[in-house]
Amino acid sequence: AETAVERQLAGHAVARRTGDPRALALALEGLAGAVALSGAHRHAARLLGAAAAAREGVGAPLPAAERGDVDRATAAAGGALGEATFSAEFALGAAADPDELVESAAAAARQSAPGRTIMRTTTIAHSRL
């Protein structure tokens, strides 16, 4: 999970620099999967909600080719949280600032892996060109 979170944070930083809403949604979905692997299921659900809201906002539905990863993250988070809690967290994410979600998810992933240096890319994830 450590490497997955690092790589997804780096990908999110690149997506932010492009400003492409679809790339940002894809990055949020990827980070949700990595965060779910770390055990931070509430944060994964919120990231999935933010990604869905971003896609809906620009009329860019999730392509079938990307559905498998989102389904896995959804199943992991939903299975751990239960349907009602997952739905509530998803809705919170849909209404939240995605950058704040990324920051809190990164912190949660760090806490779920004590003694590891997961967040080497935190500065990258929040830097702007």
Protein backbone atom coordinates (compact mmCIF):
# COMPACT_ATOMS: atom_id res chain seq x y z
CA ALA A 1 0.00 0.00 0.00
CA GLU A 2 2.90 2.36 0.73
CA THR A 3 4.20 2.37 -2.83
CA ALA A 4 0.68 2.57 -4.25
CA VAL A 5 -0.12 5.67 -2.19
CA GLU A 6 3.18 7.32 -3.17
CA ARG A 7 2.59 6.71 -6.85
CA GLN A 8 -1.03 7.81 -6.73
CA LEU A 9 -0.08 11.05 -4.96
CA ALA A 10 2.50 11.74 -7.65
CA GLY A 11 -0.13 11.03 -10.31
CA HIS A 12 -2.56 13.37 -8.59
CA ALA A 13 0.06 16.13 -8.62
CA VAL A 14 0.49 15.73 -12.37
CA ALA A 15 -3.28 15.69 -12.91
CA ARG A 16 -3.65 18.90 -10.91
CA ARG A 17 -1.06 20.61 -13.03
CA THR A 18 -2.92 19.69 -16.23
CA GLY A 19 -6.19 21.05 -14.88
CA ASP A 20 -8.08 18.37 -16.82
CA PRO A 21 -11.15 17.38 -14.75
CA ARG A 22 -11.15 13.86 -16.18
CA ALA A 23 -7.49 13.38 -15.24
CA LEU A 24 -8.23 14.68 -11.77
CA ALA A 25 -11.15 12.25 -11.41
CA LEU A 26 -8.94 9.39 -12.53
CA ALA A 27 -6.26 10.42 -10.04
CA LEU A 28 -8.80 10.58 -7.20
CA GLU A 29 -10.07 7.12 -8.13
CA GLY A 30 -6.55 5.71 -8.19
CA LEU A 31 -5.73 7.26 -4.84
CA ALA A 32 -8.98 5.85 -3.44
CA GLY A 33 -7.82 2.38 -4.39
CA ALA A 34 -4.43 2.85 -2.78
CA VAL A 35 -5.93 4.38 0.36
CA ALA A 36 -8.38 1.48 0.61
CA LEU A 37 -5.40 -0.90 0.50
CA SER A 38 -3.96 0.93 3.49
CA GLY A 39 -7.20 0.41 5.42
CA ALA A 40 -8.43 4.02 5.37
CA HIS A 41 -11.83 3.06 3.98
CA ARG A 42 -13.74 6.21 4.94
CA HIS A 43 -11.20 8.28 3.05
CA ALA A 44 -11.40 5.94 0.07
CA ALA A 45 -15.18 6.38 -0.03
CA ARG A 46 -14.81 10.17 0.12
CA LEU A 47 -12.26 10.18 -2.70
CA LEU A 48 -14.60 8.05 -4.81
CA GLY A 49 -17.39 10.53 -4.13
CA ALA A 50 -15.21 13.44 -5.17
CA ALA A 51 -14.19 11.63 -8.35
CA ALA A 52 -17.80 10.88 -9.23
CA ALA A 53 -18.77 14.50 -8.64
CA ALA A 54 -15.88 15.70 -10.81
CA ARG A 55 -16.92 13.37 -13.62
CA GLU A 56 -20.56 14.40 -13.33
CA GLY A 57 -19.63 18.07 -13.30
CA VAL A 58 -18.02 17.87 -16.73
CA GLY A 59 -20.22 15.16 -18.23
CA ALA A 60 -17.42 12.59 -18.35
CA PRO A 61 -18.81 9.26 -17.16
CA LEU A 62 -16.47 6.54 -15.98
CA PRO A 63 -15.27 4.60 -19.04
CA ALA A 64 -15.73 0.84 -19.00
CA ALA A 65 -11.96 0.33 -19.20
CA GLU A 66 -11.52 2.13 -15.88
CA ARG A 67 -14.53 0.56 -14.16
CA GLY A 68 -12.62 -2.44 -12.72
CA ASP A 69 -10.32 -0.35 -10.53
CA VAL A 70 -13.18 1.78 -9.25
CA ASP A 71 -15.28 -1.32 -8.58
CA ARG A 72 -12.43 -2.88 -6.55
CA ALA A 73 -11.95 0.26 -4.46
CA THR A 74 -15.72 0.54 -3.97
CA ALA A 75 -15.98 -3.11 -2.92
CA ALA A 76 -13.08 -2.79 -0.47
CA ALA A 77 -14.37 0.39 1.15
CA GLY A 78 -18.02 -0.62 1.01
CA GLY A 79 -17.28 -4.06 2.42
CA ALA A 80 -15.36 -2.60 5.33
CA LEU A 81 -17.80 0.22 6.08
CA GLY A 82 -21.17 -1.25 5.20
CA GLU A 83 -23.53 0.22 2.65
CA ALA A 84 -25.00 3.03 4.78
CA THR A 85 -21.66 4.35 6.03
CA PHE A 86 -20.07 4.02 2.59
CA SER A 87 -22.93 5.99 1.02
CA ALA A 88 -22.68 8.72 3.67
CA GLU A 89 -18.90 9.04 3.22
CA PHE A 90 -19.26 9.01 -0.58
CA ALA A 91 -21.77 11.87 -0.33
CA LEU A 92 -19.42 13.82 1.96
CA GLY A 93 -16.65 13.42 -0.60
CA ALA A 94 -18.87 14.56 -3.45
CA ALA A 95 -19.48 17.84 -1.62
CA ALA A 96 -15.93 18.40 -0.31
CA ASP A 97 -12.85 20.15 -1.65
CA PRO A 98 -10.86 17.43 -3.44
CA ASP A 99 -7.51 18.90 -2.37
CA GLU A 100 -8.54 18.71 1.28
CA LEU A 101 -9.67 15.13 0.75
CA VAL A 102 -6.32 14.19 -0.77
CA GLU A 103 -4.47 15.74 2.15
CA SER A 104 -6.59 14.00 4.79
CA ALA A 105 -6.50 10.67 2.93
CA ALA A 106 -2.71 10.86 2.70
CA ALA A 107 -2.50 11.53 6.45
CA ALA A 108 -4.86 8.62 7.18
CA ALA A 109 -2.82 6.27 4.99
CA ARG A 110 0.31 7.37 6.85
CA GLN A 111 -1.30 6.57 10.19
CA SER A 112 -2.45 3.17 9.02
CA ALA A 113 1.14 2.23 8.20
CA PRO A 114 3.08 3.24 11.33
CA GLY A 115 6.82 3.45 11.05
CA ARG A 116 6.78 3.88 7.29
CA THR A 117 7.55 6.87 5.14
CA ILE A 118 4.54 6.85 2.88
CA MET A 119 4.19 10.54 2.28
CA ARG A 120 7.42 11.48 0.55
CA THR A 121 5.30 12.92 -2.26
CA THR A 122 2.99 15.06 -0.11
CA THR A 123 4.83 18.20 -1.13
CA ILE A 124 4.60 17.21 -4.76
CA ALA A 125 0.89 16.48 -4.46
CA HIS A 126 0.22 19.98 -3.22
CA SER A 127 2.66 21.98 -5.29
CA ARG A 128 1.56 24.12 -8.18
CA LEU A 129 3.50 25.22 -11.22
